[in-house]
Amino acid sequence: MKSILVTGASGFIGRNVTNVLQKAGYQVRAQYRRAEPPEELVKAAESGVELVREDLVGLLKSDGYERLLDGIDAIVHIAAKVTTTGSWRLFREINIDVTRELLHQAEISGCRRFVYLSSMAVHGFGPHSYSSETGPYYKLISNYQKSKKASENIVIGYPGDTPSTVVLRPGLVYGPGDTTTLKPAMDLLSTGKMPMIGGFNVYSCHVYIDDFVQAVKLALEAEGVQREIFDIAGDDMVTLRDAIFTAAKLMGKDQPKTNIHPRVAAAAGFVLDSVYKVLRIQSEPLISRYLAQQLSYNFHFSPEKAKKMLGYAPRISWKEGLRKAVESYMLNNQKLLR
């Protein structure tokens, strides 16, 4: 497989996947939706990456998928709606309908592999410790979780052997340039306004960006892998408290002191979710029911299946990865840190 389509290439994960695959010798077609591609994609284009600006939902009403997949051997489907708020219609269109059509067109065009990026959130929030692809599973409470699980089912249940399908469920992917995992936490640490839920005495599940991109590349190249799901995590078992307190120390900031009981956080999240839904507010609330549950339970997963079947081997420890992420954040946010 030499020609790869990467959807959602302008995002944090997409940019890194695009760059690594291009450097590995693949011909990469990078789909993005923004009005202007980020600087990293512009530089990638100078090295031979083909940039394609398309709205994947808009293409559902045209023959655009045929053009998008022309000459493509494999697909890494990253594009998705990843917020915790929004109507089911939007999540269905972006996360489910696009995945179904993209997979259908992949079969028609003769693509050999389809790698779908899901989320560990499809396991639901409950006491996870060394959990695996076999479970346990808990009730899904957000449209994001439900739409990602539905998309997984489409990918894994797709009939036929071409393309072969692989689902990757990453933990919280972080690293330099991340804007969704660590950056919001570091913004709060910078202003001294970070509250803790239950003292943050729960295990979290993170994976450094370089390690996750390694898993994507392995999933593209692995022989004899079909209709498989892999949880992708780092090797460390670290509490959220340790991670946040270490980040605060690296930043030269005070450790958070305000503590909120998980039940209070869950109640506040329920109220804010309801208000945002009634008022049709599309931005993220400070605390949602999703976030409250995510931060109230152990959320730790084992990458053993990916190690055995894909040869996955995480290389970056959480302390090293956190240091790199914090240094990048501090370099790019000097004014906020003063």
C-alpha atoms as a PDB file:
ATOM      1  CA  MET A   1       0.000   0.000   0.000  1.00  0.00           C
ATOM      2  CA  LYS A   2       1.613   3.210  -1.150  1.00  0.00           C
ATOM      3  CA  SER A   3      -1.155   5.786  -1.504  1.00  0.00           C
ATOM      4  CA  ILE A   4      -2.957   6.749   1.715  1.00  0.00           C
ATOM      5  CA  LEU A   5      -5.938   9.034   2.307  1.00  0.00           C
ATOM      6  CA  VAL A   6      -5.894  10.692   5.737  1.00  0.00           C
ATOM      7  CA  THR A   7      -9.171  12.368   6.683  1.00  0.00           C
ATOM      8  CA  GLY A   8      -9.243  15.085   9.315  1.00  0.00           C
ATOM      9  CA  ALA A   9      -5.618  15.886   8.516  1.00  0.00           C
ATOM     10  CA  SER A  10      -5.722  19.411   9.928  1.00  0.00           C
ATOM     11  CA  GLY A  11      -6.300  18.199  13.497  1.00  0.00           C
ATOM     12  CA  PHE A  12      -3.617  17.346  16.040  1.00  0.00           C
ATOM     13  CA  ILE A  13      -3.619  13.613  15.329  1.00  0.00           C
ATOM     14  CA  GLY A  14      -4.201  14.034  11.600  1.00  0.00           C
ATOM     15  CA  ARG A  15      -1.233  16.387  11.135  1.00  0.00           C
ATOM     16  CA  ASN A  16       1.106  13.996  12.902  1.00  0.00           C
ATOM     17  CA  VAL A  17      -0.181  10.935  11.038  1.00  0.00           C
ATOM     18  CA  THR A  18       0.231  12.771   7.727  1.00  0.00           C
ATOM     19  CA  ASN A  19       3.811  13.803   8.465  1.00  0.00           C
ATOM     20  CA  VAL A  20       4.949  10.383   9.689  1.00  0.00           C
ATOM     21  CA  LEU A  21       3.398   8.495   6.772  1.00  0.00           C
ATOM     22  CA  GLN A  22       4.887  10.936   4.272  1.00  0.00           C
ATOM     23  CA  LYS A  23       8.339  10.564   5.821  1.00  0.00           C
ATOM     24  CA  ALA A  24       7.913   6.775   5.731  1.00  0.00           C
ATOM     25  CA  GLY A  25       7.591   6.919   1.948  1.00  0.00           C
ATOM     26  CA  TYR A  26       3.829   6.875   1.491  1.00  0.00           C
ATOM     27  CA  GLN A  27       2.025   9.108  -0.980  1.00  0.00           C
ATOM     28  CA  VAL A  28      -0.408  10.934   1.297  1.00  0.00           C
ATOM     29  CA  ARG A  29      -3.605  12.692   0.300  1.00  0.00           C
ATOM     30  CA  ALA A  30      -4.605  14.851   3.270  1.00  0.00           C
ATOM     31  CA  GLN A  31      -8.262  15.862   3.512  1.00  0.00           C
ATOM     32  CA  TYR A  32      -9.135  18.881   5.661  1.00  0.00           C
ATOM     33  CA  ARG A  33     -12.190  21.125   6.080  1.00  0.00           C
ATOM     34  CA  ARG A  34     -10.848  24.405   7.506  1.00  0.00           C
ATOM     35  CA  ALA A  35     -10.820  27.555   5.408  1.00  0.00           C
ATOM     36  CA  GLU A  36      -7.020  27.507   5.508  1.00  0.00           C
ATOM     37  CA  PRO A  37      -4.764  24.531   6.224  1.00  0.00           C
ATOM     38  CA  PRO A  38      -2.541  24.770   9.312  1.00  0.00           C
ATOM     39  CA  GLU A  39       1.123  25.638   8.827  1.00  0.00           C
ATOM     40  CA  GLU A  40       2.210  22.029   9.363  1.00  0.00           C
ATOM     41  CA  LEU A  41       0.083  20.847   6.434  1.00  0.00           C
ATOM     42  CA  VAL A  42       1.376  23.643   4.220  1.00  0.00           C
ATOM     43  CA  LYS A  43       4.932  22.503   4.954  1.00  0.00           C
ATOM     44  CA  ALA A  44       3.909  18.896   4.325  1.00  0.00           C
ATOM     45  CA  ALA A  45       2.571  19.915   0.915  1.00  0.00           C
ATOM     46  CA  GLU A  46       5.993  21.320   0.080  1.00  0.00           C
ATOM     47  CA  SER A  47       7.358  17.816   0.713  1.00  0.00           C
ATOM     48  CA  GLY A  48       4.852  16.130  -1.577  1.00  0.00           C
ATOM     49  CA  VAL A  49       1.672  15.682   0.466  1.00  0.00           C
ATOM     50  CA  GLU A  50      -1.458  16.328  -1.608  1.00  0.00           C
ATOM     51  CA  LEU A  51      -3.835  18.675   0.227  1.00  0.00           C
ATOM     52  CA  VAL A  52      -7.555  18.368  -0.504  1.00  0.00           C
ATOM     53  CA  ARG A  53     -10.034  20.773   1.080  1.00  0.00           C
ATOM     54  CA  GLU A  54     -13.396  19.019   1.245  1.00  0.00           C
ATOM     55  CA  ASP A  55     -16.394  18.888   3.567  1.00  0.00           C
ATOM     56  CA  LEU A  56     -17.049  15.169   4.014  1.00  0.00           C
ATOM     57  CA  VAL A  57     -20.683  15.754   4.975  1.00  0.00           C
ATOM     58  CA  GLY A  58     -21.208  17.896   1.881  1.00  0.00           C
ATOM     59  CA  LEU A  59     -19.737  15.129  -0.278  1.00  0.00           C
ATOM     60  CA  LEU A  60     -22.522  12.795   0.849  1.00  0.00           C
ATOM     61  CA  LYS A  61     -24.800  14.588  -1.634  1.00  0.00           C
ATOM     62  CA  SER A  62     -22.425  14.366  -4.596  1.00  0.00           C
ATOM     63  CA  ASP A  63     -20.025  11.997  -6.303  1.00  0.00           C
ATOM     64  CA  GLY A  64     -17.119  13.592  -4.484  1.00  0.00           C
ATOM     65  CA  TYR A  65     -16.071  10.433  -2.647  1.00  0.00           C
ATOM     66  CA  GLU A  66     -15.210   8.795  -5.940  1.00  0.00           C
ATOM     67  CA  ARG A  67     -12.818  11.636  -6.744  1.00  0.00           C
ATOM     68  CA  LEU A  68     -11.429  11.736  -3.217  1.00  0.00           C
ATOM     69  CA  LEU A  69     -10.541   8.040  -3.291  1.00  0.00           C
ATOM     70  CA  ASP A  70      -9.194   7.896  -6.835  1.00  0.00           C
ATOM     71  CA  GLY A  71      -5.886   6.005  -6.772  1.00  0.00           C
ATOM     72  CA  ILE A  72      -5.990   5.438  -3.007  1.00  0.00           C
ATOM     73  CA  ASP A  73      -4.785   2.107  -1.561  1.00  0.00           C
ATOM     74  CA  ALA A  74      -5.772   2.628   2.084  1.00  0.00           C
ATOM     75  CA  ILE A  75      -7.639   5.070   4.311  1.00  0.00           C
ATOM     76  CA  VAL A  76      -6.959   6.396   7.793  1.00  0.00           C
ATOM     77  CA  HIS A  77     -10.294   7.887   8.826  1.00  0.00           C
ATOM     78  CA  ILE A  78      -9.747  10.423  11.624  1.00  0.00           C
ATOM     79  CA  ALA A  79     -12.278  13.170  10.810  1.00  0.00           C
ATOM     80  CA  ALA A  80     -15.077  13.295  13.384  1.00  0.00           C
ATOM     81  CA  LYS A  81     -17.185  15.500  15.606  1.00  0.00           C
ATOM     82  CA  VAL A  82     -15.485  15.120  18.984  1.00  0.00           C
ATOM     83  CA  THR A  83     -17.328  17.585  21.245  1.00  0.00           C
ATOM     84  CA  THR A  84     -19.422  16.517  24.212  1.00  0.00           C
ATOM     85  CA  THR A  85     -22.322  18.729  23.109  1.00  0.00           C
ATOM     86  CA  GLY A  86     -24.412  18.924  19.948  1.00  0.00           C
ATOM     87  CA  SER A  87     -27.504  17.377  18.400  1.00  0.00           C
ATOM     88  CA  TRP A  88     -27.729  13.724  17.463  1.00  0.00           C
ATOM     89  CA  ARG A  89     -28.308  14.787  13.846  1.00  0.00           C
ATOM     90  CA  LEU A  90     -24.853  16.372  13.659  1.00  0.00           C
ATOM     91  CA  PHE A  91     -23.130  13.418  15.282  1.00  0.00           C
ATOM     92  CA  ARG A  92     -24.995  11.006  13.019  1.00  0.00           C
ATOM     93  CA  GLU A  93     -24.068  12.898   9.846  1.00  0.00           C
ATOM     94  CA  ILE A  94     -20.432  13.531  10.684  1.00  0.00           C
ATOM     95  CA  ASN A  95     -19.484  10.396  12.589  1.00  0.00           C
ATOM     96  CA  ILE A  96     -21.817   7.689  11.272  1.00  0.00           C
ATOM     97  CA  ASP A  97     -23.056   8.622   7.776  1.00  0.00           C
ATOM     98  CA  VAL A  98     -19.632   9.765   6.588  1.00  0.00           C
ATOM     99  CA  THR A  99     -17.947   6.615   7.904  1.00  0.00           C
ATOM    100  CA  ARG A 100     -20.522   4.362   6.243  1.00  0.00           C
ATOM    101  CA  GLU A 101     -20.225   6.105   2.863  1.00  0.00           C
ATOM    102  CA  LEU A 102     -16.446   6.338   2.998  1.00  0.00           C
ATOM    103  CA  LEU A 103     -16.200   2.615   3.719  1.00  0.00           C
ATOM    104  CA  HIS A 104     -18.658   1.808   0.923  1.00  0.00           C
ATOM    105  CA  GLN A 105     -16.695   3.882  -1.572  1.00  0.00           C
ATOM    106  CA  ALA A 106     -13.458   2.312  -0.327  1.00  0.00           C
ATOM    107  CA  GLU A 107     -14.800  -1.081  -1.350  1.00  0.00           C
ATOM    108  CA  ILE A 108     -15.874   0.199  -4.773  1.00  0.00           C
ATOM    109  CA  SER A 109     -12.519   1.843  -5.437  1.00  0.00           C
ATOM    110  CA  GLY A 110     -10.537  -1.217  -4.398  1.00  0.00           C
ATOM    111  CA  CYS A 111      -8.912   0.125  -1.217  1.00  0.00           C
ATOM    112  CA  ARG A 112      -7.121  -2.631   0.624  1.00  0.00           C
ATOM    113  CA  ARG A 113      -7.306  -1.350   4.211  1.00  0.00           C
ATOM    114  CA  PHE A 114      -9.546   0.948   6.240  1.00  0.00           C
ATOM    115  CA  VAL A 115      -8.232   2.144   9.610  1.00  0.00           C
ATOM    116  CA  TYR A 116     -10.875   3.858  11.729  1.00  0.00           C
ATOM    117  CA  LEU A 117     -10.009   6.025  14.734  1.00  0.00           C
ATOM    118  CA  SER A 118     -12.564   5.532  17.460  1.00  0.00           C
ATOM    119  CA  SER A 119     -12.176   6.326  21.171  1.00  0.00           C
ATOM    120  CA  MET A 120     -11.809   4.499  24.462  1.00  0.00           C
ATOM    121  CA  ALA A 121     -14.866   6.483  25.532  1.00  0.00           C
ATOM    122  CA  VAL A 122     -16.988   3.773  23.849  1.00  0.00           C
ATOM    123  CA  HIS A 123     -16.209   1.601  26.883  1.00  0.00           C
ATOM    124  CA  GLY A 124     -18.310   3.975  28.986  1.00  0.00           C
ATOM    125  CA  PHE A 125     -17.258   5.382  32.332  1.00  0.00           C
ATOM    126  CA  GLY A 126     -16.904   3.022  35.260  1.00  0.00           C
ATOM    127  CA  PRO A 127     -14.120   1.373  37.273  1.00  0.00           C
ATOM    128  CA  HIS A 128     -11.629   0.515  34.509  1.00  0.00           C
ATOM    129  CA  SER A 129      -8.314  -1.021  35.559  1.00  0.00           C
ATOM    130  CA  TYR A 130      -6.343  -2.947  32.947  1.00  0.00           C
ATOM    131  CA  SER A 131      -9.568  -3.125  30.939  1.00  0.00           C
ATOM    132  CA  SER A 132      -9.301  -4.490  27.412  1.00  0.00           C
ATOM    133  CA  GLU A 133     -11.199  -4.735  24.149  1.00  0.00           C
ATOM    134  CA  THR A 134     -13.384  -7.435  25.735  1.00  0.00           C
ATOM    135  CA  GLY A 135     -14.621  -5.028  28.392  1.00  0.00           C
ATOM    136  CA  PRO A 136     -16.052  -4.145  30.765  1.00  0.00           C
ATOM    137  CA  TYR A 137     -18.506  -1.772  29.102  1.00  0.00           C
ATOM    138  CA  TYR A 138     -20.766   0.753  30.786  1.00  0.00           C
ATOM    139  CA  LYS A 139     -23.718   2.899  29.732  1.00  0.00           C
ATOM    140  CA  LEU A 140     -22.901   5.489  27.062  1.00  0.00           C
ATOM    141  CA  ILE A 141     -24.149   8.911  28.137  1.00  0.00           C
ATOM    142  CA  SER A 142     -23.214  11.232  25.259  1.00  0.00           C
ATOM    143  CA  ASN A 143     -23.995  11.491  21.566  1.00  0.00           C
ATOM    144  CA  TYR A 144     -20.248  11.418  20.934  1.00  0.00           C
ATOM    145  CA  GLN A 145     -19.829   8.015  22.584  1.00  0.00           C
ATOM    146  CA  LYS A 146     -22.939   6.575  20.950  1.00  0.00           C
ATOM    147  CA  SER A 147     -21.977   7.771  17.468  1.00  0.00           C
ATOM    148  CA  LYS A 148     -18.415   6.441  17.747  1.00  0.00           C
ATOM    149  CA  LYS A 149     -19.672   3.039  18.895  1.00  0.00           C
ATOM    150  CA  ALA A 150     -22.184   2.942  16.052  1.00  0.00           C
ATOM    151  CA  SER A 151     -19.397   3.772  13.595  1.00  0.00           C
ATOM    152  CA  GLU A 152     -17.220   1.024  15.043  1.00  0.00           C
ATOM    153  CA  ASN A 153     -20.031  -1.455  14.458  1.00  0.00           C
ATOM    154  CA  ILE A 154     -20.290  -0.357  10.828  1.00  0.00           C
ATOM    155  CA  VAL A 155     -16.551  -0.773  10.271  1.00  0.00           C
ATOM    156  CA  ILE A 156     -16.158  -4.109  12.043  1.00  0.00           C
ATOM    157  CA  GLY A 157     -19.418  -5.497  10.678  1.00  0.00           C
ATOM    158  CA  TYR A 158     -18.793  -4.463   7.073  1.00  0.00           C
ATOM    159  CA  PRO A 159     -19.299  -7.512   4.808  1.00  0.00           C
ATOM    160  CA  GLY A 160     -16.585  -8.747   2.499  1.00  0.00           C
ATOM    161  CA  ASP A 161     -12.833  -8.911   2.830  1.00  0.00           C
ATOM    162  CA  THR A 162     -11.887  -5.757   0.914  1.00  0.00           C
ATOM    163  CA  PRO A 163     -11.037  -3.436   2.430  1.00  0.00           C
ATOM    164  CA  SER A 164      -9.747  -5.156   5.549  1.00  0.00           C
ATOM    165  CA  THR A 165     -10.872  -3.129   8.547  1.00  0.00           C
ATOM    166  CA  VAL A 166      -9.126  -2.105  11.766  1.00  0.00           C
ATOM    167  CA  VAL A 167     -10.458   0.032  14.618  1.00  0.00           C
ATOM    168  CA  LEU A 168      -8.053   1.868  16.913  1.00  0.00           C
ATOM    169  CA  ARG A 169      -9.324   3.181  20.241  1.00  0.00           C
ATOM    170  CA  PRO A 170      -6.791   5.700  21.573  1.00  0.00           C
ATOM    171  CA  GLY A 171      -6.597   6.892  25.125  1.00  0.00           C
ATOM    172  CA  LEU A 172      -6.215  10.635  25.598  1.00  0.00           C
ATOM    173  CA  VAL A 173      -3.669  11.533  22.911  1.00  0.00           C
ATOM    174  CA  TYR A 174      -1.310  14.291  24.020  1.00  0.00           C
ATOM    175  CA  GLY A 175       1.950  15.959  23.071  1.00  0.00           C
ATOM    176  CA  PRO A 176       3.321  19.217  21.639  1.00  0.00           C
ATOM    177  CA  GLY A 177       0.597  20.960  19.653  1.00  0.00           C
ATOM    178  CA  ASP A 178      -2.310  19.247  21.408  1.00  0.00           C
ATOM    179  CA  THR A 179      -5.230  21.616  21.979  1.00  0.00           C
ATOM    180  CA  THR A 180      -7.897  19.305  23.395  1.00  0.00           C
ATOM    181  CA  THR A 181      -6.316  17.029  26.015  1.00  0.00           C
ATOM    182  CA  LEU A 182      -3.693  18.834  28.101  1.00  0.00           C
ATOM    183  CA  LYS A 183      -4.029  22.431  26.883  1.00  0.00           C
ATOM    184  CA  PRO A 184      -7.356  23.141  28.645  1.00  0.00           C
ATOM    185  CA  ALA A 185      -5.879  21.766  31.873  1.00  0.00           C
ATOM    186  CA  MET A 186      -2.718  23.857  31.514  1.00  0.00           C
ATOM    187  CA  ASP A 187      -4.809  26.951  30.773  1.00  0.00           C
ATOM    188  CA  LEU A 188      -6.583  26.449  34.108  1.00  0.00           C
ATOM    189  CA  LEU A 189      -3.320  25.776  35.922  1.00  0.00           C
ATOM    190  CA  SER A 190      -1.917  28.986  34.445  1.00  0.00           C
ATOM    191  CA  THR A 191      -4.731  31.053  35.915  1.00  0.00           C
ATOM    192  CA  GLY A 192      -4.919  29.126  39.201  1.00  0.00           C
ATOM    193  CA  LYS A 193      -8.551  28.219  38.553  1.00  0.00           C
ATOM    194  CA  MET A 194      -8.354  24.440  38.164  1.00  0.00           C
ATOM    195  CA  PRO A 195     -10.787  22.556  40.424  1.00  0.00           C
ATOM    196  CA  MET A 196     -10.254  18.895  41.240  1.00  0.00           C
ATOM    197  CA  ILE A 197     -13.004  16.311  41.179  1.00  0.00           C
ATOM    198  CA  GLY A 198     -12.595  13.798  43.965  1.00  0.00           C
ATOM    199  CA  GLY A 199      -9.008  14.917  44.424  1.00  0.00           C
ATOM    200  CA  PHE A 200      -8.202  13.505  40.957  1.00  0.00           C
ATOM    201  CA  ASN A 201      -7.325  10.237  42.711  1.00  0.00           C
ATOM    202  CA  VAL A 202      -8.201   8.137  39.682  1.00  0.00           C
ATOM    203  CA  TYR A 203      -6.091   6.453  37.040  1.00  0.00           C
ATOM    204  CA  SER A 204      -6.180   7.999  33.583  1.00  0.00           C
ATOM    205  CA  CYS A 205      -5.293   6.568  30.213  1.00  0.00           C
ATOM    206  CA  HIS A 206      -2.991   8.615  28.014  1.00  0.00           C
ATOM    207  CA  VAL A 207      -0.910   7.879  24.948  1.00  0.00           C
ATOM    208  CA  TYR A 208       1.839  10.139  23.616  1.00  0.00           C
ATOM    209  CA  ILE A 209       1.274  11.307  20.051  1.00  0.00           C
ATOM    210  CA  ASP A 210       4.402   9.615  18.637  1.00  0.00           C
ATOM    211  CA  ASP A 211       3.370   6.287  20.138  1.00  0.00           C
ATOM    212  CA  PHE A 212      -0.158   6.576  18.802  1.00  0.00           C
ATOM    213  CA  VAL A 213       1.027   7.434  15.296  1.00  0.00           C
ATOM    214  CA  GLN A 214       3.257   4.349  15.493  1.00  0.00           C
ATOM    215  CA  ALA A 215       0.097   2.300  16.149  1.00  0.00           C
ATOM    216  CA  VAL A 216      -1.637   3.841  13.112  1.00  0.00           C
ATOM    217  CA  LYS A 217       1.287   2.934  10.866  1.00  0.00           C
ATOM    218  CA  LEU A 218       1.389  -0.606  12.248  1.00  0.00           C
ATOM    219  CA  ALA A 219      -2.359  -0.997  11.695  1.00  0.00           C
ATOM    220  CA  LEU A 220      -1.899  -0.009   8.053  1.00  0.00           C
ATOM    221  CA  GLU A 221       0.930  -2.474   7.510  1.00  0.00           C
ATOM    222  CA  ALA A 222      -0.011  -5.512   9.624  1.00  0.00           C
ATOM    223  CA  GLU A 223      -0.675  -8.680   7.645  1.00  0.00           C
ATOM    224  CA  GLY A 224      -3.684 -10.895   8.297  1.00  0.00           C
ATOM    225  CA  VAL A 225      -5.533  -8.352  10.436  1.00  0.00           C
ATOM    226  CA  GLN A 226      -9.225  -8.092   9.651  1.00  0.00           C
ATOM    227  CA  ARG A 227     -12.188  -6.765  11.656  1.00  0.00           C
ATOM    228  CA  GLU A 228     -10.042  -6.165  14.724  1.00  0.00           C
ATOM    229  CA  ILE A 229     -10.341  -3.569  17.486  1.00  0.00           C
ATOM    230  CA  PHE A 230      -7.294  -2.359  19.435  1.00  0.00           C
ATOM    231  CA  ASP A 231      -7.095  -0.250  22.579  1.00  0.00           C
ATOM    232  CA  ILE A 232      -4.016   1.976  22.246  1.00  0.00           C
ATOM    233  CA  ALA A 233      -2.469   3.290  25.461  1.00  0.00           C
ATOM    234  CA  GLY A 234       0.883   3.995  27.028  1.00  0.00           C
ATOM    235  CA  ASP A 235       2.568   1.535  29.379  1.00  0.00           C
ATOM    236  CA  ASP A 236       2.364   3.735  32.473  1.00  0.00           C
ATOM    237  CA  MET A 237      -0.332   3.558  35.106  1.00  0.00           C
ATOM    238  CA  VAL A 238      -0.560   7.083  36.490  1.00  0.00           C
ATOM    239  CA  THR A 239      -3.204   8.924  38.469  1.00  0.00           C
ATOM    240  CA  LEU A 240      -4.710  12.107  37.152  1.00  0.00           C
ATOM    241  CA  ARG A 241      -3.503  13.774  40.356  1.00  0.00           C
ATOM    242  CA  ASP A 242       0.131  12.843  39.652  1.00  0.00           C
ATOM    243  CA  ALA A 243      -0.128  14.071  36.066  1.00  0.00           C
ATOM    244  CA  ILE A 244      -1.724  17.408  36.983  1.00  0.00           C
ATOM    245  CA  PHE A 245       0.565  18.075  39.942  1.00  0.00           C
ATOM    246  CA  THR A 246       3.626  17.233  37.834  1.00  0.00           C
ATOM    247  CA  ALA A 247       2.430  19.590  35.086  1.00  0.00           C
ATOM    248  CA  ALA A 248       1.937  22.373  37.651  1.00  0.00           C
ATOM    249  CA  LYS A 249       5.486  21.873  38.943  1.00  0.00           C
ATOM    250  CA  LEU A 250       6.929  21.936  35.427  1.00  0.00           C
ATOM    251  CA  MET A 251       5.036  25.148  34.749  1.00  0.00           C
ATOM    252  CA  GLY A 252       6.112  26.774  38.021  1.00  0.00           C
ATOM    253  CA  LYS A 253       2.482  27.077  39.097  1.00  0.00           C
ATOM    254  CA  ASP A 254       0.663  26.237  42.334  1.00  0.00           C
ATOM    255  CA  GLN A 255      -0.972  22.856  42.619  1.00  0.00           C
ATOM    256  CA  PRO A 256      -4.789  22.981  42.521  1.00  0.00           C
ATOM    257  CA  LYS A 257      -6.441  23.099  45.942  1.00  0.00           C
ATOM    258  CA  THR A 258     -10.178  23.375  45.285  1.00  0.00           C
ATOM    259  CA  ASN A 259     -11.830  19.966  45.457  1.00  0.00           C
ATOM    260  CA  ILE A 260     -15.341  19.089  44.258  1.00  0.00           C
ATOM    261  CA  HIS A 261     -17.149  15.915  45.282  1.00  0.00           C
ATOM    262  CA  PRO A 262     -17.882  13.684  42.240  1.00  0.00           C
ATOM    263  CA  ARG A 263     -21.623  13.753  42.949  1.00  0.00           C
ATOM    264  CA  VAL A 264     -21.646  17.553  43.001  1.00  0.00           C
ATOM    265  CA  ALA A 265     -19.680  17.630  39.722  1.00  0.00           C
ATOM    266  CA  ALA A 266     -22.106  15.152  38.137  1.00  0.00           C
ATOM    267  CA  ALA A 267     -25.105  17.231  39.226  1.00  0.00           C
ATOM    268  CA  ALA A 268     -23.531  20.429  37.906  1.00  0.00           C
ATOM    269  CA  GLY A 269     -22.721  18.689  34.635  1.00  0.00           C
ATOM    270  CA  PHE A 270     -26.310  17.483  34.273  1.00  0.00           C
ATOM    271  CA  VAL A 271     -27.669  20.998  34.824  1.00  0.00           C
ATOM    272  CA  LEU A 272     -25.230  22.636  32.391  1.00  0.00           C
ATOM    273  CA  ASP A 273     -25.863  19.951  29.755  1.00  0.00           C
ATOM    274  CA  SER A 274     -29.603  20.653  30.018  1.00  0.00           C
ATOM    275  CA  VAL A 275     -29.145  24.426  29.774  1.00  0.00           C
ATOM    276  CA  TYR A 276     -26.823  24.139  26.774  1.00  0.00           C
ATOM    277  CA  LYS A 277     -29.266  21.797  25.051  1.00  0.00           C
ATOM    278  CA  VAL A 278     -32.288  24.061  25.597  1.00  0.00           C
ATOM    279  CA  LEU A 279     -30.392  27.172  24.489  1.00  0.00           C
ATOM    280  CA  ARG A 280     -28.693  25.263  21.641  1.00  0.00           C
ATOM    281  CA  ILE A 281     -25.264  26.421  22.737  1.00  0.00           C
ATOM    282  CA  GLN A 282     -22.601  24.646  20.678  1.00  0.00           C
ATOM    283  CA  SER A 283     -19.537  25.463  22.795  1.00  0.00           C
ATOM    284  CA  GLU A 284     -18.275  23.190  25.568  1.00  0.00           C
ATOM    285  CA  PRO A 285     -19.546  23.832  29.139  1.00  0.00           C
ATOM    286  CA  LEU A 286     -16.946  24.188  31.884  1.00  0.00           C
ATOM    287  CA  ILE A 287     -18.212  20.925  33.350  1.00  0.00           C
ATOM    288  CA  SER A 288     -20.462  18.406  31.610  1.00  0.00           C
ATOM    289  CA  ARG A 289     -21.911  15.108  32.742  1.00  0.00           C
ATOM    290  CA  TYR A 290     -19.469  13.417  30.353  1.00  0.00           C
ATOM    291  CA  LEU A 291     -16.443  15.196  31.820  1.00  0.00           C
ATOM    292  CA  ALA A 292     -17.615  14.703  35.405  1.00  0.00           C
ATOM    293  CA  GLN A 293     -17.891  10.944  34.905  1.00  0.00           C
ATOM    294  CA  GLN A 294     -14.644  10.730  32.962  1.00  0.00           C
ATOM    295  CA  LEU A 295     -12.760  12.362  35.853  1.00  0.00           C
ATOM    296  CA  SER A 296     -14.531  10.445  38.633  1.00  0.00           C
ATOM    297  CA  TYR A 297     -13.617   6.858  37.711  1.00  0.00           C
ATOM    298  CA  ASN A 298     -10.443   4.915  37.101  1.00  0.00           C
ATOM    299  CA  PHE A 299      -9.977   4.873  33.328  1.00  0.00           C
ATOM    300  CA  HIS A 300      -7.015   2.609  32.627  1.00  0.00           C
ATOM    301  CA  PHE A 301      -6.650   0.200  29.684  1.00  0.00           C
ATOM    302  CA  SER A 302      -4.156  -2.405  28.584  1.00  0.00           C
ATOM    303  CA  PRO A 303      -2.491  -2.252  25.130  1.00  0.00           C
ATOM    304  CA  GLU A 304      -1.529  -5.959  25.244  1.00  0.00           C
ATOM    305  CA  LYS A 305      -3.605  -6.991  22.227  1.00  0.00           C
ATOM    306  CA  ALA A 306      -1.981  -4.296  20.054  1.00  0.00           C
ATOM    307  CA  LYS A 307       1.449  -5.404  21.298  1.00  0.00           C
ATOM    308  CA  LYS A 308       0.820  -9.022  20.379  1.00  0.00           C
ATOM    309  CA  MET A 309      -0.969  -8.572  17.050  1.00  0.00           C
ATOM    310  CA  LEU A 310       0.505  -5.329  15.704  1.00  0.00           C
ATOM    311  CA  GLY A 311       3.930  -5.228  17.315  1.00  0.00           C
ATOM    312  CA  TYR A 312       2.980  -2.001  19.086  1.00  0.00           C
ATOM    313  CA  ALA A 313       5.603  -0.836  21.587  1.00  0.00           C
ATOM    314  CA  PRO A 314       5.050   2.509  23.369  1.00  0.00           C
ATOM    315  CA  ARG A 315       8.379   4.271  23.861  1.00  0.00           C
ATOM    316  CA  ILE A 316       7.587   7.545  25.636  1.00  0.00           C
ATOM    317  CA  SER A 317       7.038   7.497  29.411  1.00  0.00           C
ATOM    318  CA  TRP A 318       4.344   9.738  30.810  1.00  0.00           C
ATOM    319  CA  LYS A 319       6.887  11.971  32.540  1.00  0.00           C
ATOM    320  CA  GLU A 320       8.912  12.478  29.366  1.00  0.00           C
ATOM    321  CA  GLY A 321       5.821  13.055  27.268  1.00  0.00           C
ATOM    322  CA  LEU A 322       4.372  15.482  29.805  1.00  0.00           C
ATOM    323  CA  ARG A 323       7.631  17.430  29.936  1.00  0.00           C
ATOM    324  CA  LYS A 324       7.658  17.809  26.149  1.00  0.00           C
ATOM    325  CA  ALA A 325       4.009  18.867  26.087  1.00  0.00           C
ATOM    326  CA  VAL A 326       4.462  21.419  28.872  1.00  0.00           C
ATOM    327  CA  GLU A 327       7.598  22.889  27.276  1.00  0.00           C
ATOM    328  CA  SER A 328       5.716  23.325  23.991  1.00  0.00           C
ATOM    329  CA  TYR A 329       2.762  24.905  25.786  1.00  0.00           C
ATOM    330  CA  MET A 330       4.981  27.335  27.683  1.00  0.00           C
ATOM    331  CA  LEU A 331       6.774  28.348  24.498  1.00  0.00           C
ATOM    332  CA  ASN A 332       3.476  29.120  22.768  1.00  0.00           C
ATOM    333  CA  ASN A 333       1.673  30.769  25.695  1.00  0.00           C
ATOM    334  CA  GLN A 334       4.148  33.206  27.192  1.00  0.00           C
ATOM    335  CA  LYS A 335       1.559  35.946  27.777  1.00  0.00           C
ATOM    336  CA  LEU A 336      -0.831  33.638  29.637  1.00  0.00           C
ATOM    337  CA  LEU A 337       1.969  32.406  31.871  1.00  0.00           C
ATOM    338  CA  ARG A 338       3.155  35.849  33.021  1.00  0.00           C
END
